[in-house]
PDB file of N, CA and C in Angstrom:
ATOM      1  N   UNK A   1      12.477 -15.200 -27.136  1.00  0.00           N
ATOM      2  CA  UNK A   1      12.712 -13.766 -27.779  1.00  0.00           C
ATOM      3  C   UNK A   1      13.433 -13.060 -26.721  1.00  0.00           C
ATOM      4  N   UNK A   2      14.686 -12.577 -27.208  1.00  0.00           N
ATOM      5  CA  UNK A   2      15.336 -11.890 -26.219  1.00  0.00           C
ATOM      6  C   UNK A   2      14.958 -10.335 -26.289  1.00  0.00           C
ATOM      7  N   UNK A   3      15.474  -9.560 -25.222  1.00  0.00           N
ATOM      8  CA  UNK A   3      15.200  -8.184 -25.177  1.00  0.00           C
ATOM      9  C   UNK A   3      15.965  -7.551 -26.258  1.00  0.00           C
ATOM     10  N   UNK A   4      15.295  -6.408 -26.905  1.00  0.00           N
ATOM     11  CA  UNK A   4      16.058  -5.582 -27.874  1.00  0.00           C
ATOM     12  C   UNK A   4      17.061  -4.627 -27.293  1.00  0.00           C
ATOM     13  N   UNK A   5      17.127  -4.504 -25.982  1.00  0.00           N
ATOM     14  CA  UNK A   5      17.988  -3.611 -25.371  1.00  0.00           C
ATOM     15  C   UNK A   5      18.907  -4.498 -24.432  1.00  0.00           C
ATOM     16  N   UNK A   6      20.268  -4.165 -24.260  1.00  0.00           N
ATOM     17  CA  UNK A   6      21.128  -4.661 -23.474  1.00  0.00           C
ATOM     18  C   UNK A   6      21.618  -3.773 -22.570  1.00  0.00           C
ATOM     19  N   UNK A   7      21.470  -3.983 -21.219  1.00  0.00           N
ATOM     20  CA  UNK A   7      21.826  -3.015 -20.171  1.00  0.00           C
ATOM     21  C   UNK A   7      23.052  -3.636 -19.516  1.00  0.00           C
ATOM     22  N   UNK A   8      23.850  -2.830 -19.161  1.00  0.00           N
ATOM     23  CA  UNK A   8      25.283  -3.020 -18.558  1.00  0.00           C
ATOM     24  C   UNK A   8      25.110  -3.352 -16.998  1.00  0.00           C
ATOM     25  N   UNK A   9      25.784  -4.143 -16.292  1.00  0.00           N
ATOM     26  CA  UNK A   9      25.776  -4.458 -15.049  1.00  0.00           C
ATOM     27  C   UNK A   9      25.725  -3.060 -14.075  1.00  0.00           C
ATOM     28  N   UNK A  10      26.493  -2.141 -14.697  1.00  0.00           N
ATOM     29  CA  UNK A  10      26.750  -0.885 -13.960  1.00  0.00           C
ATOM     30  C   UNK A  10      25.299  -0.304 -13.994  1.00  0.00           C
ATOM     31  N   UNK A  11      24.662  -0.244 -15.202  1.00  0.00           N
ATOM     32  CA  UNK A  11      23.350   0.397 -15.282  1.00  0.00           C
ATOM     33  C   UNK A  11      22.393  -0.269 -14.400  1.00  0.00           C
ATOM     34  N   UNK A  12      22.421  -1.475 -14.318  1.00  0.00           N
ATOM     35  CA  UNK A  12      21.455  -2.260 -13.467  1.00  0.00           C
ATOM     36  C   UNK A  12      21.603  -1.934 -11.861  1.00  0.00           C
ATOM     37  N   UNK A  13      22.893  -1.968 -11.526  1.00  0.00           N
ATOM     38  CA  UNK A  13      23.228  -1.484 -10.075  1.00  0.00           C
ATOM     39  C   UNK A  13      22.849  -0.017  -9.798  1.00  0.00           C
ATOM     40  N   UNK A  14      23.151   0.818 -10.892  1.00  0.00           N
ATOM     41  CA  UNK A  14      22.452   2.215 -10.451  1.00  0.00           C
ATOM     42  C   UNK A  14      20.977   2.248 -10.527  1.00  0.00           C
ATOM     43  N   UNK A  15      20.393   1.569 -11.215  1.00  0.00           N
ATOM     44  CA  UNK A  15      18.904   1.342 -11.348  1.00  0.00           C
ATOM     45  C   UNK A  15      18.309   0.895  -9.906  1.00  0.00           C
ATOM     46  N   UNK A  16      18.932  -0.160  -9.272  1.00  0.00           N
ATOM     47  CA  UNK A  16      18.536  -0.674  -7.994  1.00  0.00           C
ATOM     48  C   UNK A  16      18.898   0.510  -6.911  1.00  0.00           C
ATOM     49  N   UNK A  17      19.916   1.040  -7.043  1.00  0.00           N
ATOM     50  CA  UNK A  17      20.257   2.191  -6.131  1.00  0.00           C
ATOM     51  C   UNK A  17      19.233   3.187  -6.272  1.00  0.00           C
ATOM     52  N   UNK A  18      18.887   3.558  -7.493  1.00  0.00           N
ATOM     53  CA  UNK A  18      17.638   4.592  -7.656  1.00  0.00           C
ATOM     54  C   UNK A  18      16.465   4.069  -6.955  1.00  0.00           C
ATOM     55  N   UNK A  19      16.175   2.735  -7.211  1.00  0.00           N
ATOM     56  CA  UNK A  19      14.925   2.244  -6.519  1.00  0.00           C
ATOM     57  C   UNK A  19      15.038   2.619  -5.039  1.00  0.00           C
ATOM     58  N   UNK A  20      16.129   2.121  -4.406  1.00  0.00           N
ATOM     59  CA  UNK A  20      16.094   2.293  -2.888  1.00  0.00           C
ATOM     60  C   UNK A  20      16.261   3.900  -2.504  1.00  0.00           C
ATOM     61  N   UNK A  21      16.781   4.467  -3.208  1.00  0.00           N
ATOM     62  CA  UNK A  21      16.885   6.154  -2.917  1.00  0.00           C
ATOM     63  C   UNK A  21      15.451   6.826  -3.157  1.00  0.00           C
ATOM     64  N   UNK A  22      14.634   6.238  -4.079  1.00  0.00           N
ATOM     65  CA  UNK A  22      13.225   6.922  -4.165  1.00  0.00           C
ATOM     66  C   UNK A  22      12.138   6.007  -4.062  1.00  0.00           C
ATOM     67  N   UNK A  23      12.323   5.074  -3.131  1.00  0.00           N
ATOM     68  CA  UNK A  23      11.323   4.075  -2.910  1.00  0.00           C
ATOM     69  C   UNK A  23       9.914   4.598  -2.436  1.00  0.00           C
ATOM     70  N   UNK A  24       9.974   5.500  -1.474  1.00  0.00           N
ATOM     71  CA  UNK A  24       8.736   6.175  -0.938  1.00  0.00           C
ATOM     72  C   UNK A  24       8.065   7.354  -1.814  1.00  0.00           C
ATOM     73  N   UNK A  25       8.942   7.737  -2.857  1.00  0.00           N
ATOM     74  CA  UNK A  25       8.518   8.836  -3.541  1.00  0.00           C
ATOM     75  C   UNK A  25       7.763   8.508  -4.911  1.00  0.00           C
ATOM     76  N   UNK A  26       8.299   7.481  -5.356  1.00  0.00           N
ATOM     77  CA  UNK A  26       7.766   6.913  -6.879  1.00  0.00           C
ATOM     78  C   UNK A  26       7.322   5.498  -6.851  1.00  0.00           C
ATOM     79  N   UNK A  27       6.466   5.217  -7.592  1.00  0.00           N
ATOM     80  CA  UNK A  27       6.067   3.682  -7.713  1.00  0.00           C
ATOM     81  C   UNK A  27       7.125   2.998  -8.570  1.00  0.00           C
ATOM     82  N   UNK A  28       7.158   1.623  -8.556  1.00  0.00           N
ATOM     83  CA  UNK A  28       8.081   0.837  -9.480  1.00  0.00           C
ATOM     84  C   UNK A  28       7.820   1.178 -10.877  1.00  0.00           C
ATOM     85  N   UNK A  29       6.565   1.269 -11.215  1.00  0.00           N
ATOM     86  CA  UNK A  29       6.157   1.463 -12.601  1.00  0.00           C
ATOM     87  C   UNK A  29       6.819   2.880 -13.052  1.00  0.00           C
ATOM     88  N   UNK A  30       6.636   3.807 -12.181  1.00  0.00           N
ATOM     89  CA  UNK A  30       6.973   5.059 -12.521  1.00  0.00           C
ATOM     90  C   UNK A  30       8.839   5.059 -12.741  1.00  0.00           C
ATOM     91  N   UNK A  31       9.259   4.475 -11.869  1.00  0.00           N
ATOM     92  CA  UNK A  31      10.781   4.374 -11.852  1.00  0.00           C
ATOM     93  C   UNK A  31      11.112   3.519 -13.109  1.00  0.00           C
ATOM     94  N   UNK A  32      10.566   2.479 -13.353  1.00  0.00           N
ATOM     95  CA  UNK A  32      11.031   1.713 -14.519  1.00  0.00           C
ATOM     96  C   UNK A  32      10.794   2.603 -15.890  1.00  0.00           C
ATOM     97  N   UNK A  33       9.541   3.370 -15.986  1.00  0.00           N
ATOM     98  CA  UNK A  33       9.548   4.276 -17.123  1.00  0.00           C
ATOM     99  C   UNK A  33      10.667   5.254 -17.117  1.00  0.00           C
ATOM    100  N   UNK A  34      10.825   5.907 -15.931  1.00  0.00           N
ATOM    101  CA  UNK A  34      12.009   6.961 -15.837  1.00  0.00           C
ATOM    102  C   UNK A  34      13.164   6.186 -16.414  1.00  0.00           C
ATOM    103  N   UNK A  35      13.516   4.859 -16.165  1.00  0.00           N
ATOM    104  CA  UNK A  35      14.770   4.277 -16.615  1.00  0.00           C
ATOM    105  C   UNK A  35      14.668   3.660 -17.962  1.00  0.00           C
ATOM    106  N   UNK A  36      13.529   3.687 -18.584  1.00  0.00           N
ATOM    107  CA  UNK A  36      13.300   2.958 -19.921  1.00  0.00           C
ATOM    108  C   UNK A  36      13.411   1.579 -19.896  1.00  0.00           C
ATOM    109  N   UNK A  37      13.076   1.025 -18.823  1.00  0.00           N
ATOM    110  CA  UNK A  37      13.039  -0.459 -18.841  1.00  0.00           C
ATOM    111  C   UNK A  37      11.699  -0.937 -18.386  1.00  0.00           C
ATOM    112  N   UNK A  38      11.463  -2.374 -18.611  1.00  0.00           N
ATOM    113  CA  UNK A  38      10.036  -2.893 -18.269  1.00  0.00           C
ATOM    114  C   UNK A  38       9.945  -3.049 -16.618  1.00  0.00           C
ATOM    115  N   UNK A  39       8.930  -3.172 -16.383  1.00  0.00           N
ATOM    116  CA  UNK A  39       8.732  -3.263 -14.888  1.00  0.00           C
ATOM    117  C   UNK A  39       9.210  -4.763 -14.412  1.00  0.00           C
ATOM    118  N   UNK A  40       8.864  -5.722 -15.325  1.00  0.00           N
ATOM    119  CA  UNK A  40       9.279  -7.126 -14.826  1.00  0.00           C
ATOM    120  C   UNK A  40      11.013  -7.220 -14.750  1.00  0.00           C
ATOM    121  N   UNK A  41      11.466  -6.546 -15.740  1.00  0.00           N
ATOM    122  CA  UNK A  41      13.062  -6.494 -15.694  1.00  0.00           C
ATOM    123  C   UNK A  41      13.538  -5.854 -14.454  1.00  0.00           C
ATOM    124  N   UNK A  42      12.769  -4.700 -14.383  1.00  0.00           N
ATOM    125  CA  UNK A  42      13.330  -3.679 -13.116  1.00  0.00           C
ATOM    126  C   UNK A  42      13.038  -4.569 -11.771  1.00  0.00           C
ATOM    127  N   UNK A  43      12.018  -5.334 -11.748  1.00  0.00           N
ATOM    128  CA  UNK A  43      11.564  -6.161 -10.474  1.00  0.00           C
ATOM    129  C   UNK A  43      12.785  -7.229 -10.295  1.00  0.00           C
ATOM    130  N   UNK A  44      13.234  -7.800 -11.312  1.00  0.00           N
ATOM    131  CA  UNK A  44      14.277  -8.976 -11.309  1.00  0.00           C
ATOM    132  C   UNK A  44      15.611  -8.262 -10.853  1.00  0.00           C
ATOM    133  N   UNK A  45      15.888  -7.093 -11.296  1.00  0.00           N
ATOM    134  CA  UNK A  45      17.133  -6.488 -10.889  1.00  0.00           C
ATOM    135  C   UNK A  45      17.104  -6.180  -9.388  1.00  0.00           C
ATOM    136  N   UNK A  46      15.869  -5.793  -8.883  1.00  0.00           N
ATOM    137  CA  UNK A  46      15.729  -5.283  -7.422  1.00  0.00           C
ATOM    138  C   UNK A  46      15.898  -6.486  -6.634  1.00  0.00           C
ATOM    139  N   UNK A  47      15.421  -7.659  -7.199  1.00  0.00           N
ATOM    140  CA  UNK A  47      15.564  -9.014  -6.350  1.00  0.00           C
ATOM    141  C   UNK A  47      16.933  -9.549  -6.332  1.00  0.00           C
ATOM    142  N   UNK A  48      17.799  -9.189  -7.373  1.00  0.00           N
ATOM    143  CA  UNK A  48      19.013  -9.896  -7.486  1.00  0.00           C
ATOM    144  C   UNK A  48      20.168  -9.263  -6.618  1.00  0.00           C
ATOM    145  N   UNK A  49      20.709  -9.925  -5.804  1.00  0.00           N
ATOM    146  CA  UNK A  49      21.873  -9.511  -4.874  1.00  0.00           C
ATOM    147  C   UNK A  49      23.003  -9.035  -5.585  1.00  0.00           C
ATOM    148  N   UNK A  50      23.241  -9.572  -6.764  1.00  0.00           N
ATOM    149  CA  UNK A  50      24.357  -9.203  -7.761  1.00  0.00           C
ATOM    150  C   UNK A  50      24.255  -7.643  -8.102  1.00  0.00           C
ATOM    151  N   UNK A  51      23.074  -6.997  -8.006  1.00  0.00           N
ATOM    152  CA  UNK A  51      22.910  -5.588  -8.382  1.00  0.00           C
ATOM    153  C   UNK A  51      22.609  -4.698  -7.099  1.00  0.00           C
ATOM    154  N   UNK A  52      22.852  -5.346  -6.003  1.00  0.00           N
ATOM    155  CA  UNK A  52      22.537  -4.779  -4.766  1.00  0.00           C
ATOM    156  C   UNK A  52      21.226  -4.753  -4.197  1.00  0.00           C
ATOM    157  N   UNK A  53      20.291  -5.590  -4.758  1.00  0.00           N
ATOM    158  CA  UNK A  53      19.035  -5.772  -4.296  1.00  0.00           C
ATOM    159  C   UNK A  53      18.878  -7.106  -3.417  1.00  0.00           C
ATOM    160  N   UNK A  54      17.889  -7.756  -3.414  1.00  0.00           N
ATOM    161  CA  UNK A  54      17.696  -8.912  -2.705  1.00  0.00           C
ATOM    162  C   UNK A  54      17.125  -8.822  -1.267  1.00  0.00           C
ATOM    163  N   UNK A  55      16.855  -7.541  -0.857  1.00  0.00           N
ATOM    164  CA  UNK A  55      16.330  -7.351   0.336  1.00  0.00           C
ATOM    165  C   UNK A  55      14.765  -7.372   0.281  1.00  0.00           C
ATOM    166  N   UNK A  56      14.239  -8.689   0.432  1.00  0.00           N
ATOM    167  CA  UNK A  56      12.694  -8.913   0.312  1.00  0.00           C
ATOM    168  C   UNK A  56      12.050  -7.921   1.136  1.00  0.00           C
ATOM    169  N   UNK A  57      12.300  -7.667   2.460  1.00  0.00           N
ATOM    170  CA  UNK A  57      11.483  -6.773   3.205  1.00  0.00           C
ATOM    171  C   UNK A  57      11.301  -5.367   2.912  1.00  0.00           C
ATOM    172  N   UNK A  58      12.515  -4.890   2.134  1.00  0.00           N
ATOM    173  CA  UNK A  58      12.489  -3.556   1.572  1.00  0.00           C
ATOM    174  C   UNK A  58      11.718  -3.451   0.277  1.00  0.00           C
ATOM    175  N   UNK A  59      11.427  -4.518  -0.350  1.00  0.00           N
ATOM    176  CA  UNK A  59      10.666  -4.496  -1.672  1.00  0.00           C
ATOM    177  C   UNK A  59       9.281  -4.165  -1.615  1.00  0.00           C
ATOM    178  N   UNK A  60       8.778  -3.395  -2.401  1.00  0.00           N
ATOM    179  CA  UNK A  60       7.220  -3.085  -2.336  1.00  0.00           C
ATOM    180  C   UNK A  60       6.778  -3.507  -3.820  1.00  0.00           C
ATOM    181  N   UNK A  61       6.810  -4.698  -4.170  1.00  0.00           N
ATOM    182  CA  UNK A  61       6.377  -5.331  -5.448  1.00  0.00           C
ATOM    183  C   UNK A  61       4.892  -5.276  -5.693  1.00  0.00           C
ATOM    184  N   UNK A  62       4.143  -5.221  -4.584  1.00  0.00           N
ATOM    185  CA  UNK A  62       2.734  -5.342  -4.723  1.00  0.00           C
ATOM    186  C   UNK A  62       2.113  -4.101  -4.447  1.00  0.00           C
ATOM    187  N   UNK A  63       2.436  -2.924  -5.030  1.00  0.00           N
ATOM    188  CA  UNK A  63       2.122  -1.547  -4.590  1.00  0.00           C
ATOM    189  C   UNK A  63       0.641  -1.425  -5.167  1.00  0.00           C
ATOM    190  N   UNK A  64      -0.310  -0.890  -4.240  1.00  0.00           N
ATOM    191  CA  UNK A  64      -1.859  -0.793  -4.573  1.00  0.00           C
ATOM    192  C   UNK A  64      -1.810   0.263  -5.722  1.00  0.00           C
ATOM    193  N   UNK A  65      -2.691  -0.154  -6.702  1.00  0.00           N
ATOM    194  CA  UNK A  65      -2.998   0.725  -7.882  1.00  0.00           C
ATOM    195  C   UNK A  65      -4.286   1.637  -7.353  1.00  0.00           C
ATOM    196  N   UNK A  66      -4.538   2.561  -8.379  1.00  0.00           N
ATOM    197  CA  UNK A  66      -5.741   3.410  -8.123  1.00  0.00           C
ATOM    198  C   UNK A  66      -7.087   2.682  -7.695  1.00  0.00           C
ATOM    199  N   UNK A  67      -7.277   1.583  -8.481  1.00  0.00           N
ATOM    200  CA  UNK A  67      -8.434   0.737  -8.304  1.00  0.00           C
ATOM    201  C   UNK A  67      -8.519   0.262  -6.876  1.00  0.00           C
ATOM    202  N   UNK A  68      -7.198  -0.301  -6.384  1.00  0.00           N
ATOM    203  CA  UNK A  68      -7.211  -0.953  -5.088  1.00  0.00           C
ATOM    204  C   UNK A  68      -7.520   0.087  -3.895  1.00  0.00           C
ATOM    205  N   UNK A  69      -6.894   1.327  -4.159  1.00  0.00           N
ATOM    206  CA  UNK A  69      -7.234   2.453  -3.189  1.00  0.00           C
ATOM    207  C   UNK A  69      -8.490   2.947  -3.258  1.00  0.00           C
ATOM    208  N   UNK A  70      -9.185   2.899  -4.466  1.00  0.00           N
ATOM    209  CA  UNK A  70     -10.734   3.238  -4.253  1.00  0.00           C
ATOM    210  C   UNK A  70     -11.514   2.286  -3.745  1.00  0.00           C
ATOM    211  N   UNK A  71     -11.213   1.047  -3.823  1.00  0.00           N
ATOM    212  CA  UNK A  71     -11.972  -0.001  -3.105  1.00  0.00           C
ATOM    213  C   UNK A  71     -11.660  -0.138  -1.639  1.00  0.00           C
ATOM    214  N   UNK A  72     -10.538   0.326  -1.250  1.00  0.00           N
ATOM    215  CA  UNK A  72     -10.249   0.420   0.099  1.00  0.00           C
ATOM    216  C   UNK A  72     -10.951   1.527   0.791  1.00  0.00           C
ATOM    217  N   UNK A  73     -10.976   2.809   0.030  1.00  0.00           N
ATOM    218  CA  UNK A  73     -11.621   3.810   0.564  1.00  0.00           C
ATOM    219  C   UNK A  73     -13.108   3.517   0.624  1.00  0.00           C
ATOM    220  N   UNK A  74     -13.747   2.834  -0.231  1.00  0.00           N
ATOM    221  CA  UNK A  74     -15.054   2.528  -0.135  1.00  0.00           C
ATOM    222  C   UNK A  74     -15.545   1.562   0.966  1.00  0.00           C
ATOM    223  N   UNK A  75     -14.459   0.579   1.136  1.00  0.00           N
ATOM    224  CA  UNK A  75     -14.807  -0.316   2.329  1.00  0.00           C
ATOM    225  C   UNK A  75     -14.570   0.448   3.685  1.00  0.00           C
ATOM    226  N   UNK A  76     -13.748   1.438   3.748  1.00  0.00           N
ATOM    227  CA  UNK A  76     -13.621   2.066   4.858  1.00  0.00           C
ATOM    228  C   UNK A  76     -14.676   3.130   5.229  1.00  0.00           C
ATOM    229  N   UNK A  77     -15.301   3.656   4.149  1.00  0.00           N
ATOM    230  CA  UNK A  77     -16.240   4.520   4.444  1.00  0.00           C
ATOM    231  C   UNK A  77     -17.656   3.837   4.847  1.00  0.00           C
ATOM    232  N   UNK A  78     -17.856   2.560   4.260  1.00  0.00           N
ATOM    233  CA  UNK A  78     -18.788   1.808   4.842  1.00  0.00           C
ATOM    234  C   UNK A  78     -18.773   1.419   6.181  1.00  0.00           C
ATOM    235  N   UNK A  79     -17.390   0.997   6.624  1.00  0.00           N
ATOM    236  CA  UNK A  79     -17.190   0.583   7.999  1.00  0.00           C
ATOM    237  C   UNK A  79     -17.531   1.712   8.895  1.00  0.00           C
ATOM    238  N   UNK A  80     -17.007   2.872   8.458  1.00  0.00           N
ATOM    239  CA  UNK A  80     -17.102   3.965   9.365  1.00  0.00           C
ATOM    240  C   UNK A  80     -18.727   4.239   9.559  1.00  0.00           C
ATOM    241  N   UNK A  81     -19.519   4.355   8.484  1.00  0.00           N
ATOM    242  CA  UNK A  81     -21.090   4.474   8.708  1.00  0.00           C
ATOM    243  C   UNK A  81     -21.523   3.408   9.539  1.00  0.00           C
ATOM    244  N   UNK A  82     -21.151   2.195   9.395  1.00  0.00           N
ATOM    245  CA  UNK A  82     -21.688   1.157  10.343  1.00  0.00           C
ATOM    246  C   UNK A  82     -21.298   1.515  11.728  1.00  0.00           C
ATOM    247  N   UNK A  83     -19.939   1.810  12.021  1.00  0.00           N
ATOM    248  CA  UNK A  83     -19.625   2.112  13.394  1.00  0.00           C
ATOM    249  C   UNK A  83     -20.440   3.356  14.080  1.00  0.00           C
ATOM    250  N   UNK A  84     -20.659   4.359  13.099  1.00  0.00           N
ATOM    251  CA  UNK A  84     -21.333   5.586  13.716  1.00  0.00           C
ATOM    252  C   UNK A  84     -22.625   5.003  14.069  1.00  0.00           C
ATOM    253  N   UNK A  85     -23.359   4.147  13.275  1.00  0.00           N
ATOM    254  CA  UNK A  85     -24.646   3.780  13.556  1.00  0.00           C
ATOM    255  C   UNK A  85     -24.590   2.906  14.944  1.00  0.00           C
ATOM    256  N   UNK A  86     -23.739   2.113  14.936  1.00  0.00           N
ATOM    257  CA  UNK A  86     -23.597   1.246  16.254  1.00  0.00           C
ATOM    258  C   UNK A  86     -23.273   2.172  17.527  1.00  0.00           C
ATOM    259  N   UNK A  87     -22.517   3.250  17.301  1.00  0.00           N
ATOM    260  CA  UNK A  87     -22.308   4.077  18.373  1.00  0.00           C
ATOM    261  C   UNK A  87     -23.554   4.810  18.763  1.00  0.00           C
ATOM    262  N   UNK A  88     -24.416   5.132  17.800  1.00  0.00           N
ATOM    263  CA  UNK A  88     -25.759   5.868  18.204  1.00  0.00           C
ATOM    264  C   UNK A  88     -26.644   4.951  18.831  1.00  0.00           C
ATOM    265  N   UNK A  89     -26.556   3.685  18.525  1.00  0.00           N
ATOM    266  CA  UNK A  89     -27.350   2.667  19.151  1.00  0.00           C
ATOM    267  C   UNK A  89     -26.934   2.423  20.525  1.00  0.00           C
ATOM    268  N   UNK A  90     -25.699   2.364  20.864  1.00  0.00           N
ATOM    269  CA  UNK A  90     -25.259   2.258  22.192  1.00  0.00           C
ATOM    270  C   UNK A  90     -25.471   3.456  23.117  1.00  0.00           C
ATOM    271  N   UNK A  91     -25.411   4.624  22.574  1.00  0.00           N
ATOM    272  CA  UNK A  91     -25.688   5.934  23.167  1.00  0.00           C
ATOM    273  C   UNK A  91     -27.138   5.872  23.766  1.00  0.00           C
ATOM    274  N   UNK A  92     -28.112   5.485  22.729  1.00  0.00           N
ATOM    275  CA  UNK A  92     -29.560   5.447  23.223  1.00  0.00           C
ATOM    276  C   UNK A  92     -29.850   4.266  24.237  1.00  0.00           C
ATOM    277  N   UNK A  93     -29.110   3.169  24.084  1.00  0.00           N
ATOM    278  CA  UNK A  93     -29.133   2.181  25.037  1.00  0.00           C
ATOM    279  C   UNK A  93     -28.809   2.485  26.475  1.00  0.00           C
ATOM    280  N   UNK A  94     -27.601   3.289  26.299  1.00  0.00           N
ATOM    281  CA  UNK A  94     -27.007   3.768  27.642  1.00  0.00           C
ATOM    282  C   UNK A  94     -27.983   4.765  28.413  1.00  0.00           C
ATOM    283  N   UNK A  95     -28.547   5.563  27.378  1.00  0.00           N
ATOM    284  CA  UNK A  95     -29.377   6.530  28.178  1.00  0.00           C
ATOM    285  C   UNK A  95     -30.804   5.764  28.644  1.00  0.00           C
ATOM    286  N   UNK A  96     -31.117   4.935  27.825  1.00  0.00           N
ATOM    287  CA  UNK A  96     -32.437   4.100  28.382  1.00  0.00           C
ATOM    288  C   UNK A  96     -32.122   3.313  29.591  1.00  0.00           C
ATOM    289  N   UNK A  97     -30.894   2.759  29.784  1.00  0.00           N
ATOM    290  CA  UNK A  97     -30.825   2.048  31.099  1.00  0.00           C
ATOM    291  C   UNK A  97     -30.317   3.060  32.122  1.00  0.00           C
ATOM    292  N   UNK A  98     -29.906   4.055  31.877  1.00  0.00           N
ATOM    293  CA  UNK A  98     -29.533   5.036  32.880  1.00  0.00           C
ATOM    294  C   UNK A  98     -30.752   5.774  33.496  1.00  0.00           C
ATOM    295  N   UNK A  99     -31.791   5.959  32.545  1.00  0.00           N
ATOM    296  CA  UNK A  99     -33.166   6.206  33.130  1.00  0.00           C
ATOM    297  C   UNK A  99     -33.890   5.349  33.869  1.00  0.00           C
ATOM    298  N   UNK A 100     -33.716   4.039  33.456  1.00  0.00           N
ATOM    299  CA  UNK A 100     -34.390   2.914  34.228  1.00  0.00           C
ATOM    300  C   UNK A 100     -33.840   2.845  35.594  1.00  0.00           C
ATOM    301  N   UNK A 101     -32.535   2.861  35.544  1.00  0.00           N
ATOM    302  CA  UNK A 101     -31.747   2.799  36.848  1.00  0.00           C
ATOM    303  C   UNK A 101     -32.206   3.834  37.782  1.00  0.00           C
ATOM    304  N   UNK A 102     -32.357   5.041  37.244  1.00  0.00           N
ATOM    305  CA  UNK A 102     -32.699   6.236  38.026  1.00  0.00           C
ATOM    306  C   UNK A 102     -33.988   6.132  38.534  1.00  0.00           C
ATOM    307  N   UNK A 103     -34.935   5.530  37.729  1.00  0.00           N
ATOM    308  CA  UNK A 103     -36.302   5.307  38.193  1.00  0.00           C
ATOM    309  C   UNK A 103     -36.500   4.471  39.242  1.00  0.00           C
ATOM    310  N   UNK A 104     -35.648   3.480  39.371  1.00  0.00           N
ATOM    311  CA  UNK A 104     -35.679   2.308  40.263  1.00  0.00           C
ATOM    312  C   UNK A 104     -35.096   2.872  41.677  1.00  0.00           C
ATOM    313  N   UNK A 105     -34.323   3.963  41.778  1.00  0.00           N
ATOM    314  CA  UNK A 105     -33.771   4.464  42.905  1.00  0.00           C
ATOM    315  C   UNK A 105     -34.560   5.222  43.431  1.00  0.00           C
ATOM    316  N   UNK A 106     -35.714   5.711  42.931  1.00  0.00           N
ATOM    317  CA  UNK A 106     -36.525   6.730  43.729  1.00  0.00           C
ATOM    318  C   UNK A 106     -37.615   5.922  44.583  1.00  0.00           C
TER     319      UNK A 106
END
Protein backbone atom coordinates (compact mmCIF):
# COMPACT_ATOMS: atom_id res chain seq x y z
CA UNK A 1 0.00 0.00 0.00
CA UNK A 2 1.61 3.22 -1.13
CA UNK A 3 1.61 6.58 0.52
CA UNK A 4 -1.32 8.84 -0.40
CA UNK A 5 1.12 11.75 -0.64
CA UNK A 6 3.96 12.17 -3.08
CA UNK A 7 6.77 14.47 -2.01
CA UNK A 8 9.27 15.94 -4.43
CA UNK A 9 13.01 15.46 -3.99
CA UNK A 10 13.29 19.20 -3.40
CA UNK A 11 10.79 18.97 -0.52
CA UNK A 12 12.68 16.04 0.99
CA UNK A 13 16.00 17.90 0.74
CA UNK A 14 14.43 20.93 2.40
CA UNK A 15 12.98 18.69 5.12
CA UNK A 16 16.43 17.23 5.86
CA UNK A 17 17.92 20.72 5.93
CA UNK A 18 15.13 21.72 8.33
CA UNK A 19 16.06 18.78 10.56
CA UNK A 20 19.71 19.77 10.80
CA UNK A 21 18.86 23.45 11.27
CA UNK A 22 16.47 22.77 14.17
CA UNK A 23 17.89 19.53 15.57
CA UNK A 24 18.44 20.82 19.12
CA UNK A 25 15.22 22.81 19.25
CA UNK A 26 12.56 20.29 18.22
CA UNK A 27 12.12 16.53 18.38
CA UNK A 28 11.84 14.53 15.19
CA UNK A 29 8.18 13.89 15.91
CA UNK A 30 7.52 17.63 16.17
CA UNK A 31 9.45 18.29 12.95
CA UNK A 32 7.59 15.54 11.08
CA UNK A 33 4.25 16.94 12.29
CA UNK A 34 5.29 20.45 11.25
CA UNK A 35 6.11 19.16 7.77
CA UNK A 36 3.03 16.94 7.50
CA UNK A 37 4.92 13.68 7.03
CA UNK A 38 5.17 10.49 9.05
CA UNK A 39 8.04 10.08 11.49
CA UNK A 40 9.22 6.91 9.72
CA UNK A 41 9.32 8.61 6.31
CA UNK A 42 11.12 11.58 7.84
CA UNK A 43 13.73 9.28 9.41
CA UNK A 44 14.33 7.57 6.05
CA UNK A 45 14.92 10.93 4.38
CA UNK A 46 17.36 11.96 7.13
CA UNK A 47 19.34 8.75 6.67
CA UNK A 48 19.40 9.07 2.87
CA UNK A 49 22.54 10.79 1.49
CA UNK A 50 20.59 11.74 -1.65
CA UNK A 51 18.64 14.26 0.43
CA UNK A 52 21.65 15.61 2.33
CA UNK A 53 21.37 13.21 5.24
CA UNK A 54 23.24 10.05 6.03
CA UNK A 55 25.36 11.46 8.85
CA UNK A 56 24.67 8.77 11.47
CA UNK A 57 26.55 10.65 14.21
CA UNK A 58 24.35 13.70 13.80
CA UNK A 59 21.09 11.78 13.91
CA UNK A 60 19.10 11.61 17.10
CA UNK A 61 16.64 8.90 16.16
CA UNK A 62 16.26 7.50 19.67
CA UNK A 63 15.17 10.66 21.41
CA UNK A 64 13.97 10.03 24.95
CA UNK A 65 10.26 10.41 25.48
CA UNK A 66 8.59 11.84 28.59
CA UNK A 67 8.36 8.37 30.18
CA UNK A 68 12.07 7.80 29.68
CA UNK A 69 12.90 11.12 31.30
CA UNK A 70 10.64 10.41 34.27
CA UNK A 71 12.26 7.00 34.79
CA UNK A 72 15.74 8.53 34.56
CA UNK A 73 14.74 11.27 37.02
CA UNK A 74 13.41 8.67 39.47
CA UNK A 75 16.59 6.60 39.15
CA UNK A 76 18.79 9.64 39.73
CA UNK A 77 16.79 10.69 42.80
CA UNK A 78 17.18 7.20 44.29
CA UNK A 79 20.90 7.22 43.55
CA UNK A 80 21.24 10.69 45.07
CA UNK A 81 19.48 9.53 48.28
CA UNK A 82 21.74 6.46 48.49
CA UNK A 83 24.88 8.57 48.01
CA UNK A 84 23.77 11.03 50.71
CA UNK A 85 23.23 8.14 53.10
CA UNK A 86 26.66 6.70 52.30
CA UNK A 87 28.24 10.12 52.84
CA UNK A 88 26.64 10.42 56.29
CA UNK A 89 27.89 6.94 57.23
CA UNK A 90 31.41 7.86 56.13
CA UNK A 91 31.29 11.12 58.09
CA UNK A 92 30.28 9.23 61.25
CA UNK A 93 32.98 6.61 60.68
CA UNK A 94 35.63 9.31 60.14
CA UNK A 95 34.55 11.08 63.33
CA UNK A 96 34.61 7.80 65.27
CA UNK A 97 38.10 6.86 64.09
CA UNK A 98 39.39 10.40 64.66
CA UNK A 99 38.07 10.22 68.24
CA UNK A 100 39.65 6.78 68.77
CA UNK A 101 42.98 7.98 67.39
CA UNK A 102 42.93 11.08 69.58
CA UNK A 103 42.22 8.88 72.63
CA UNK A 104 45.22 6.66 71.83
CA UNK A 105 47.60 9.63 71.61
CA UNK A 106 46.92 10.72 75.18
